[in-house]
Amino acid sequence: MEQKALQKLVEEVSIDFFELPFRHQATFNARLKTTGGRYFLQSHHLDFNPQVLEKFGMETLIGVIKHELCHYHLHLAGKGHQHKDREFKALLKKVGGLRYVPSMKEAGADEWIQLWKYQCQKCGTNVRRKRRFNTNKYVCSNCKGAFKLLGREEVQL
């Protein structure tokens, strides 16, 4: 689907389900990874994740569009537009929008993470950290010994 088709779809969904026009810009944003869409409070534009259409189809995309249009119309009306607000929840239920987008992760896909591995030179305790730290500044909590950086290590979550 192209940007023009998405814009037209968002405008049609807005008229059909909210009976209000959508007068701003709707675009696909391939940089979105974990969310289905995004509403911008300042410009009132909408961004959508193209993977939602590819992985889950048109019905799910329309559910995400309804969700973002709830934010849009409630914000412009000066009502509660946040997920926690009663007005948002009621409008989302009324129009049949999605509360959550299905998980974008591949089913059964293993996740790996790289960690920094340190070893205490006094007691031999091994420590793993996401972020590297200064071994001159920090000491072992067990024995107050100095750490030695051993390198990076991949760990499965």
N, C-alpha and C. Protein backbone atom coordinates (compact mmCIF):
# COMPACT_ATOMS: atom_id res chain seq x y z
N MET A 1 0.85 -1.18 0.00
CA MET A 1 0.00 0.00 0.00
C MET A 1 0.90 1.24 0.00
N GLU A 2 0.53 2.22 -0.77
CA GLU A 2 1.30 3.45 -0.87
C GLU A 2 0.76 4.50 0.10
N GLN A 3 1.50 5.59 0.24
CA GLN A 3 1.13 6.66 1.18
C GLN A 3 -0.24 7.26 0.84
N LYS A 4 -0.50 7.46 -0.45
CA LYS A 4 -1.78 8.05 -0.85
C LYS A 4 -2.96 7.14 -0.48
N ALA A 5 -2.77 5.84 -0.69
CA ALA A 5 -3.82 4.89 -0.34
C ALA A 5 -4.05 4.85 1.17
N LEU A 6 -2.96 4.94 1.93
CA LEU A 6 -3.09 4.97 3.39
C LEU A 6 -3.83 6.23 3.84
N GLN A 7 -3.47 7.37 3.26
CA GLN A 7 -4.13 8.63 3.60
C GLN A 7 -5.64 8.53 3.33
N LYS A 8 -5.99 7.98 2.18
CA LYS A 8 -7.40 7.84 1.80
C LYS A 8 -8.13 6.89 2.76
N LEU A 9 -7.46 5.80 3.12
CA LEU A 9 -8.05 4.82 4.04
C LEU A 9 -8.31 5.46 5.41
N VAL A 10 -7.35 6.21 5.93
CA VAL A 10 -7.51 6.86 7.23
C VAL A 10 -8.67 7.87 7.18
N GLU A 11 -8.76 8.62 6.09
CA GLU A 11 -9.85 9.59 5.94
C GLU A 11 -11.21 8.89 5.89
N GLU A 12 -11.28 7.75 5.19
CA GLU A 12 -12.54 6.99 5.10
C GLU A 12 -12.93 6.40 6.45
N VAL A 13 -11.97 5.83 7.17
CA VAL A 13 -12.25 5.25 8.49
C VAL A 13 -12.72 6.35 9.44
N SER A 14 -12.12 7.52 9.35
CA SER A 14 -12.49 8.64 10.21
C SER A 14 -13.95 9.06 9.98
N ILE A 15 -14.33 9.16 8.71
CA ILE A 15 -15.71 9.54 8.39
C ILE A 15 -16.69 8.43 8.77
N ASP A 16 -16.36 7.18 8.43
CA ASP A 16 -17.27 6.06 8.65
C ASP A 16 -17.52 5.77 10.13
N PHE A 17 -16.48 5.81 10.95
CA PHE A 17 -16.61 5.38 12.33
C PHE A 17 -16.71 6.53 13.33
N PHE A 18 -16.14 7.68 13.01
CA PHE A 18 -16.14 8.80 13.95
C PHE A 18 -17.05 9.94 13.50
N GLU A 19 -17.47 9.90 12.22
CA GLU A 19 -18.31 10.94 11.63
C GLU A 19 -17.64 12.31 11.74
N LEU A 20 -16.32 12.30 11.70
CA LEU A 20 -15.51 13.52 11.74
C LEU A 20 -14.40 13.39 10.70
N PRO A 21 -14.01 14.50 10.06
CA PRO A 21 -12.96 14.40 9.04
C PRO A 21 -11.57 14.33 9.65
N PHE A 22 -10.68 13.67 8.95
CA PHE A 22 -9.25 13.65 9.30
C PHE A 22 -8.57 14.62 8.36
N ARG A 23 -8.00 15.70 8.91
CA ARG A 23 -7.47 16.78 8.09
C ARG A 23 -5.95 16.89 8.13
N HIS A 24 -5.29 15.87 8.60
CA HIS A 24 -3.84 15.94 8.70
C HIS A 24 -3.20 14.81 7.89
N GLN A 25 -1.94 14.56 8.11
CA GLN A 25 -1.19 13.62 7.28
C GLN A 25 -1.04 12.27 7.97
N ALA A 26 -1.25 11.20 7.22
CA ALA A 26 -1.02 9.84 7.69
C ALA A 26 0.05 9.21 6.81
N THR A 27 1.08 8.63 7.44
CA THR A 27 2.19 8.05 6.68
C THR A 27 2.61 6.72 7.28
N PHE A 28 3.27 5.93 6.45
CA PHE A 28 3.95 4.73 6.94
C PHE A 28 5.33 5.12 7.42
N ASN A 29 5.76 4.53 8.53
CA ASN A 29 7.08 4.80 9.09
C ASN A 29 7.74 3.46 9.38
N ALA A 30 8.68 3.07 8.54
CA ALA A 30 9.34 1.77 8.68
C ALA A 30 10.24 1.69 9.90
N ARG A 31 10.54 2.83 10.53
CA ARG A 31 11.38 2.81 11.73
C ARG A 31 10.63 2.34 12.97
N LEU A 32 9.29 2.34 12.91
CA LEU A 32 8.51 1.82 14.04
C LEU A 32 8.72 0.31 14.09
N LYS A 33 9.10 -0.21 15.24
CA LYS A 33 9.39 -1.64 15.36
C LYS A 33 8.43 -2.38 16.28
N THR A 34 8.09 -1.78 17.42
CA THR A 34 7.30 -2.50 18.42
C THR A 34 5.87 -1.99 18.52
N THR A 35 5.57 -0.88 17.91
CA THR A 35 4.24 -0.29 18.01
C THR A 35 3.55 -0.30 16.65
N GLY A 36 2.24 -0.29 16.66
CA GLY A 36 1.49 -0.31 15.42
C GLY A 36 1.32 1.06 14.80
N GLY A 37 1.24 2.08 15.65
CA GLY A 37 1.05 3.43 15.14
C GLY A 37 1.42 4.45 16.19
N ARG A 38 1.40 5.72 15.76
CA ARG A 38 1.80 6.79 16.65
C ARG A 38 1.04 8.06 16.27
N TYR A 39 0.56 8.78 17.30
CA TYR A 39 -0.12 10.07 17.09
C TYR A 39 0.77 11.18 17.63
N PHE A 40 0.98 12.23 16.84
CA PHE A 40 1.81 13.35 17.24
C PHE A 40 0.93 14.48 17.78
N LEU A 41 1.13 14.84 19.04
CA LEU A 41 0.31 15.86 19.69
C LEU A 41 0.49 17.24 19.06
N GLN A 42 1.70 17.57 18.64
CA GLN A 42 1.97 18.91 18.11
C GLN A 42 1.42 19.10 16.70
N SER A 43 1.75 18.18 15.80
CA SER A 43 1.37 18.34 14.39
C SER A 43 0.06 17.64 14.04
N HIS A 44 -0.41 16.74 14.89
CA HIS A 44 -1.63 15.95 14.69
C HIS A 44 -1.51 14.93 13.56
N HIS A 45 -0.29 14.65 13.13
CA HIS A 45 -0.08 13.64 12.10
C HIS A 45 -0.08 12.25 12.72
N LEU A 46 -0.30 11.26 11.88
CA LEU A 46 -0.29 9.86 12.32
C LEU A 46 0.77 9.10 11.55
N ASP A 47 1.49 8.22 12.26
CA ASP A 47 2.46 7.30 11.67
C ASP A 47 1.96 5.88 11.89
N PHE A 48 2.18 5.03 10.90
CA PHE A 48 1.78 3.63 11.03
C PHE A 48 2.93 2.71 10.64
N ASN A 49 3.01 1.60 11.31
CA ASN A 49 4.03 0.60 11.05
C ASN A 49 3.60 -0.24 9.84
N PRO A 50 4.38 -0.26 8.76
CA PRO A 50 3.99 -1.03 7.58
C PRO A 50 3.99 -2.54 7.83
N GLN A 51 4.71 -3.00 8.85
CA GLN A 51 4.74 -4.43 9.15
C GLN A 51 3.39 -4.94 9.63
N VAL A 52 2.56 -4.06 10.19
CA VAL A 52 1.23 -4.48 10.65
C VAL A 52 0.43 -4.99 9.46
N LEU A 53 0.46 -4.26 8.35
CA LEU A 53 -0.26 -4.68 7.15
C LEU A 53 0.34 -5.95 6.56
N GLU A 54 1.67 -6.02 6.51
CA GLU A 54 2.35 -7.18 5.92
C GLU A 54 2.12 -8.45 6.72
N LYS A 55 2.23 -8.37 8.04
CA LYS A 55 2.16 -9.57 8.89
C LYS A 55 0.74 -9.96 9.27
N PHE A 56 -0.14 -8.96 9.50
CA PHE A 56 -1.45 -9.27 10.07
C PHE A 56 -2.63 -8.93 9.18
N GLY A 57 -2.41 -8.18 8.10
CA GLY A 57 -3.47 -7.91 7.15
C GLY A 57 -4.22 -6.61 7.38
N MET A 58 -5.17 -6.37 6.49
CA MET A 58 -5.91 -5.11 6.45
C MET A 58 -6.79 -4.91 7.68
N GLU A 59 -7.40 -5.96 8.18
CA GLU A 59 -8.31 -5.85 9.33
C GLU A 59 -7.57 -5.32 10.57
N THR A 60 -6.37 -5.83 10.81
CA THR A 60 -5.58 -5.38 11.94
C THR A 60 -5.12 -3.94 11.74
N LEU A 61 -4.72 -3.59 10.51
CA LEU A 61 -4.31 -2.22 10.22
C LEU A 61 -5.46 -1.26 10.49
N ILE A 62 -6.66 -1.62 10.10
CA ILE A 62 -7.83 -0.76 10.34
C ILE A 62 -8.07 -0.62 11.85
N GLY A 63 -7.86 -1.69 12.61
CA GLY A 63 -7.97 -1.60 14.07
C GLY A 63 -6.97 -0.64 14.66
N VAL A 64 -5.75 -0.64 14.13
CA VAL A 64 -4.71 0.29 14.59
C VAL A 64 -5.07 1.72 14.18
N ILE A 65 -5.60 1.89 12.98
CA ILE A 65 -6.02 3.21 12.51
C ILE A 65 -7.11 3.76 13.43
N LYS A 66 -8.07 2.93 13.80
CA LYS A 66 -9.13 3.36 14.72
C LYS A 66 -8.55 3.80 16.06
N HIS A 67 -7.58 3.05 16.54
CA HIS A 67 -6.93 3.37 17.81
C HIS A 67 -6.28 4.76 17.74
N GLU A 68 -5.51 5.00 16.69
CA GLU A 68 -4.82 6.29 16.56
C GLU A 68 -5.81 7.43 16.31
N LEU A 69 -6.88 7.15 15.60
CA LEU A 69 -7.90 8.18 15.38
C LEU A 69 -8.64 8.52 16.67
N CYS A 70 -8.74 7.58 17.59
CA CYS A 70 -9.31 7.89 18.91
C CYS A 70 -8.45 8.94 19.61
N HIS A 71 -7.13 8.74 19.59
CA HIS A 71 -6.22 9.74 20.16
C HIS A 71 -6.43 11.09 19.47
N TYR A 72 -6.47 11.06 18.15
CA TYR A 72 -6.58 12.26 17.32
C TYR A 72 -7.84 13.06 17.63
N HIS A 73 -9.00 12.42 17.53
CA HIS A 73 -10.27 13.14 17.68
C HIS A 73 -10.49 13.60 19.12
N LEU A 74 -10.11 12.78 20.09
CA LEU A 74 -10.28 13.18 21.49
C LEU A 74 -9.36 14.35 21.84
N HIS A 75 -8.13 14.32 21.34
CA HIS A 75 -7.20 15.41 21.61
C HIS A 75 -7.69 16.72 21.01
N LEU A 76 -8.17 16.67 19.78
CA LEU A 76 -8.67 17.88 19.13
C LEU A 76 -9.94 18.40 19.81
N ALA A 77 -10.72 17.50 20.43
CA ALA A 77 -11.93 17.91 21.14
C ALA A 77 -11.63 18.38 22.56
N GLY A 78 -10.38 18.24 23.00
CA GLY A 78 -10.00 18.67 24.35
C GLY A 78 -10.41 17.69 25.42
N LYS A 79 -10.63 16.44 25.05
CA LYS A 79 -11.03 15.41 26.02
C LYS A 79 -9.85 14.50 26.33
N GLY A 80 -10.05 13.57 27.24
CA GLY A 80 -9.00 12.65 27.65
C GLY A 80 -8.59 11.73 26.51
N HIS A 81 -7.38 11.90 26.00
CA HIS A 81 -6.92 11.15 24.83
C HIS A 81 -5.86 10.11 25.17
N GLN A 82 -5.52 9.97 26.45
CA GLN A 82 -4.50 9.01 26.84
C GLN A 82 -5.12 7.63 27.07
N HIS A 83 -4.28 6.60 27.02
CA HIS A 83 -4.77 5.22 27.18
C HIS A 83 -5.52 5.03 28.50
N LYS A 84 -5.12 5.73 29.54
CA LYS A 84 -5.71 5.55 30.86
C LYS A 84 -7.06 6.24 31.02
N ASP A 85 -7.41 7.15 30.12
CA ASP A 85 -8.62 7.96 30.26
C ASP A 85 -9.88 7.18 29.91
N ARG A 86 -10.94 7.44 30.67
CA ARG A 86 -12.22 6.76 30.48
C ARG A 86 -12.81 7.06 29.10
N GLU A 87 -12.69 8.32 28.65
CA GLU A 87 -13.24 8.70 27.34
C GLU A 87 -12.55 7.94 26.21
N PHE A 88 -11.22 7.77 26.34
CA PHE A 88 -10.48 7.04 25.32
C PHE A 88 -10.94 5.59 25.25
N LYS A 89 -11.03 4.95 26.41
CA LYS A 89 -11.45 3.54 26.45
C LYS A 89 -12.86 3.36 25.90
N ALA A 90 -13.75 4.28 26.24
CA ALA A 90 -15.14 4.18 25.77
C ALA A 90 -15.23 4.35 24.26
N LEU A 91 -14.52 5.35 23.72
CA LEU A 91 -14.56 5.58 22.27
C LEU A 91 -13.91 4.43 21.51
N LEU A 92 -12.81 3.91 22.04
CA LEU A 92 -12.13 2.79 21.39
C LEU A 92 -13.05 1.57 21.33
N LYS A 93 -13.78 1.32 22.41
CA LYS A 93 -14.72 0.19 22.43
C LYS A 93 -15.88 0.43 21.47
N LYS A 94 -16.35 1.67 21.41
CA LYS A 94 -17.49 2.02 20.54
C LYS A 94 -17.16 1.80 19.07
N VAL A 95 -15.95 2.20 18.64
CA VAL A 95 -15.59 2.08 17.22
C VAL A 95 -14.96 0.73 16.88
N GLY A 96 -14.61 -0.05 17.89
CA GLY A 96 -14.04 -1.38 17.64
C GLY A 96 -12.57 -1.36 17.28
N GLY A 97 -11.84 -0.43 17.84
CA GLY A 97 -10.40 -0.35 17.59
C GLY A 97 -9.62 -1.33 18.44
N LEU A 98 -8.38 -1.54 18.08
CA LEU A 98 -7.52 -2.45 18.84
C LEU A 98 -6.92 -1.74 20.04
N ARG A 99 -6.96 -2.40 21.18
CA ARG A 99 -6.31 -1.84 22.38
C ARG A 99 -4.81 -2.05 22.28
N TYR A 100 -4.40 -3.23 21.80
CA TYR A 100 -2.98 -3.57 21.63
C TYR A 100 -2.77 -4.15 20.24
N VAL A 101 -1.63 -3.86 19.65
CA VAL A 101 -1.27 -4.47 18.37
C VAL A 101 -0.69 -5.86 18.68
N PRO A 102 -0.93 -6.86 17.85
CA PRO A 102 -0.30 -8.17 18.08
C PRO A 102 1.23 -8.04 18.10
N SER A 103 1.88 -8.95 18.77
CA SER A 103 3.34 -8.89 18.91
C SER A 103 4.01 -8.92 17.55
N MET A 104 4.97 -8.03 17.36
CA MET A 104 5.67 -7.92 16.09
C MET A 104 6.83 -8.91 15.99
N LYS A 105 7.15 -9.58 17.10
CA LYS A 105 8.26 -10.54 17.09
C LYS A 105 7.83 -11.81 16.39
N GLU A 106 8.78 -12.47 15.76
CA GLU A 106 8.52 -13.75 15.11
C GLU A 106 8.20 -14.79 16.18
N ALA A 107 7.21 -15.60 15.93
CA ALA A 107 6.86 -16.65 16.88
C ALA A 107 7.99 -17.66 16.96
N GLY A 108 8.43 -17.93 18.17
CA GLY A 108 9.50 -18.91 18.38
C GLY A 108 10.89 -18.40 18.08
N ALA A 109 11.02 -17.14 17.72
CA ALA A 109 12.34 -16.59 17.42
C ALA A 109 13.13 -16.40 18.72
N ASP A 110 14.36 -16.87 18.73
CA ASP A 110 15.21 -16.72 19.89
C ASP A 110 15.83 -15.33 19.89
N GLU A 111 15.87 -14.71 21.07
CA GLU A 111 16.48 -13.41 21.20
C GLU A 111 17.82 -13.55 21.90
N TRP A 112 18.83 -12.92 21.33
CA TRP A 112 20.17 -12.92 21.89
C TRP A 112 20.55 -11.51 22.27
N ILE A 113 21.33 -11.38 23.33
CA ILE A 113 21.78 -10.09 23.78
C ILE A 113 23.27 -10.17 24.09
N GLN A 114 23.99 -9.09 23.80
CA GLN A 114 25.42 -9.07 24.10
C GLN A 114 25.65 -8.39 25.44
N LEU A 115 26.44 -9.03 26.29
CA LEU A 115 26.74 -8.51 27.62
C LEU A 115 28.26 -8.40 27.80
N TRP A 116 28.66 -7.48 28.66
CA TRP A 116 30.06 -7.36 29.05
C TRP A 116 30.29 -8.29 30.23
N LYS A 117 31.39 -9.04 30.19
CA LYS A 117 31.70 -10.00 31.26
C LYS A 117 32.93 -9.52 32.04
N TYR A 118 32.78 -9.48 33.37
CA TYR A 118 33.85 -9.07 34.28
C TYR A 118 34.10 -10.18 35.29
N GLN A 119 35.32 -10.21 35.83
CA GLN A 119 35.64 -11.17 36.87
C GLN A 119 36.42 -10.46 37.98
N CYS A 120 36.02 -10.74 39.22
CA CYS A 120 36.73 -10.18 40.36
C CYS A 120 38.09 -10.88 40.46
N GLN A 121 39.16 -10.10 40.62
CA GLN A 121 40.50 -10.67 40.68
C GLN A 121 40.81 -11.26 42.05
N LYS A 122 40.00 -10.92 43.04
CA LYS A 122 40.26 -11.41 44.40
C LYS A 122 39.48 -12.69 44.70
N CYS A 123 38.14 -12.67 44.46
CA CYS A 123 37.32 -13.85 44.81
C CYS A 123 36.86 -14.66 43.60
N GLY A 124 37.07 -14.13 42.38
CA GLY A 124 36.72 -14.87 41.18
C GLY A 124 35.26 -14.78 40.76
N THR A 125 34.46 -13.93 41.38
CA THR A 125 33.06 -13.77 41.03
C THR A 125 32.93 -13.22 39.61
N ASN A 126 32.06 -13.86 38.81
CA ASN A 126 31.79 -13.39 37.45
C ASN A 126 30.57 -12.49 37.46
N VAL A 127 30.66 -11.39 36.73
CA VAL A 127 29.58 -10.40 36.65
C VAL A 127 29.32 -10.09 35.19
N ARG A 128 28.03 -10.01 34.81
CA ARG A 128 27.64 -9.63 33.44
C ARG A 128 26.85 -8.35 33.50
N ARG A 129 27.11 -7.45 32.57
CA ARG A 129 26.41 -6.17 32.51
C ARG A 129 26.12 -5.80 31.06
N LYS A 130 24.99 -5.13 30.85
CA LYS A 130 24.66 -4.62 29.52
C LYS A 130 25.61 -3.50 29.13
N ARG A 131 25.88 -2.62 30.10
CA ARG A 131 26.73 -1.47 29.83
C ARG A 131 28.11 -1.67 30.45
N ARG A 132 29.09 -1.21 29.75
CA ARG A 132 30.46 -1.29 30.21
C ARG A 132 30.66 -0.31 31.37
N PHE A 133 31.50 -0.68 32.34
CA PHE A 133 31.78 0.24 33.44
C PHE A 133 33.27 0.36 33.68
N ASN A 134 33.65 1.43 34.40
CA ASN A 134 35.04 1.74 34.69
C ASN A 134 35.53 0.82 35.82
N THR A 135 36.48 -0.06 35.52
CA THR A 135 36.96 -1.03 36.52
C THR A 135 37.82 -0.36 37.60
N ASN A 136 38.27 0.85 37.35
CA ASN A 136 39.03 1.58 38.37
C ASN A 136 38.10 2.23 39.40
N LYS A 137 36.85 2.41 39.01
CA LYS A 137 35.90 3.13 39.86
C LYS A 137 35.04 2.19 40.71
N TYR A 138 34.75 0.99 40.21
CA TYR A 138 33.85 0.06 40.90
C TYR A 138 34.60 -1.17 41.39
N VAL A 139 34.13 -1.71 42.54
CA VAL A 139 34.76 -2.89 43.14
C VAL A 139 33.70 -3.96 43.38
N CYS A 140 34.14 -5.16 43.64
CA CYS A 140 33.28 -6.31 43.90
C CYS A 140 32.50 -6.09 45.20
N SER A 141 31.21 -6.38 45.18
CA SER A 141 30.38 -6.20 46.37
C SER A 141 30.63 -7.29 47.41
N ASN A 142 31.21 -8.42 46.99
CA ASN A 142 31.46 -9.52 47.94
C ASN A 142 32.73 -9.28 48.75
N CYS A 143 33.81 -8.88 48.07
CA CYS A 143 35.10 -8.83 48.75
C CYS A 143 35.84 -7.50 48.58
N LYS A 144 35.25 -6.56 47.86
CA LYS A 144 35.87 -5.25 47.58
C LYS A 144 37.11 -5.37 46.69
N GLY A 145 37.22 -6.47 45.96
CA GLY A 145 38.33 -6.66 45.03
C GLY A 145 38.12 -5.94 43.72
N ALA A 146 39.17 -5.80 42.94
CA ALA A 146 39.13 -5.11 41.65
C ALA A 146 38.59 -6.04 40.56
N PHE A 147 37.90 -5.45 39.57
CA PHE A 147 37.37 -6.22 38.45
C PHE A 147 38.35 -6.20 37.29
N LYS A 148 38.24 -7.27 36.49
CA LYS A 148 39.00 -7.37 35.25
C LYS A 148 37.98 -7.63 34.13
N LEU A 149 38.08 -6.86 33.05
CA LEU A 149 37.18 -7.04 31.91
C LEU A 149 37.64 -8.25 31.11
N LEU A 150 36.70 -9.20 30.92
CA LEU A 150 37.03 -10.41 30.16
C LEU A 150 36.62 -10.29 28.70
N GLY A 151 35.64 -9.42 28.39
CA GLY A 151 35.19 -9.26 27.01
C GLY A 151 33.68 -9.32 26.91
N ARG A 152 33.20 -9.52 25.67
CA ARG A 152 31.76 -9.58 25.42
C ARG A 152 31.32 -11.02 25.30
N GLU A 153 30.03 -11.22 25.57
CA GLU A 153 29.48 -12.57 25.53
C GLU A 153 28.02 -12.48 25.07
N GLU A 154 27.60 -13.38 24.20
CA GLU A 154 26.21 -13.42 23.75
C GLU A 154 25.44 -14.36 24.63
N VAL A 155 24.27 -13.90 25.10
CA VAL A 155 23.44 -14.69 26.00
C VAL A 155 22.03 -14.75 25.42
N GLN A 156 21.41 -15.92 25.45
CA GLN A 156 20.05 -16.07 24.96
C GLN A 156 19.07 -15.70 26.05
N LEU A 157 18.07 -14.90 25.70
CA LEU A 157 17.05 -14.51 26.69
C LEU A 157 16.04 -15.60 26.90
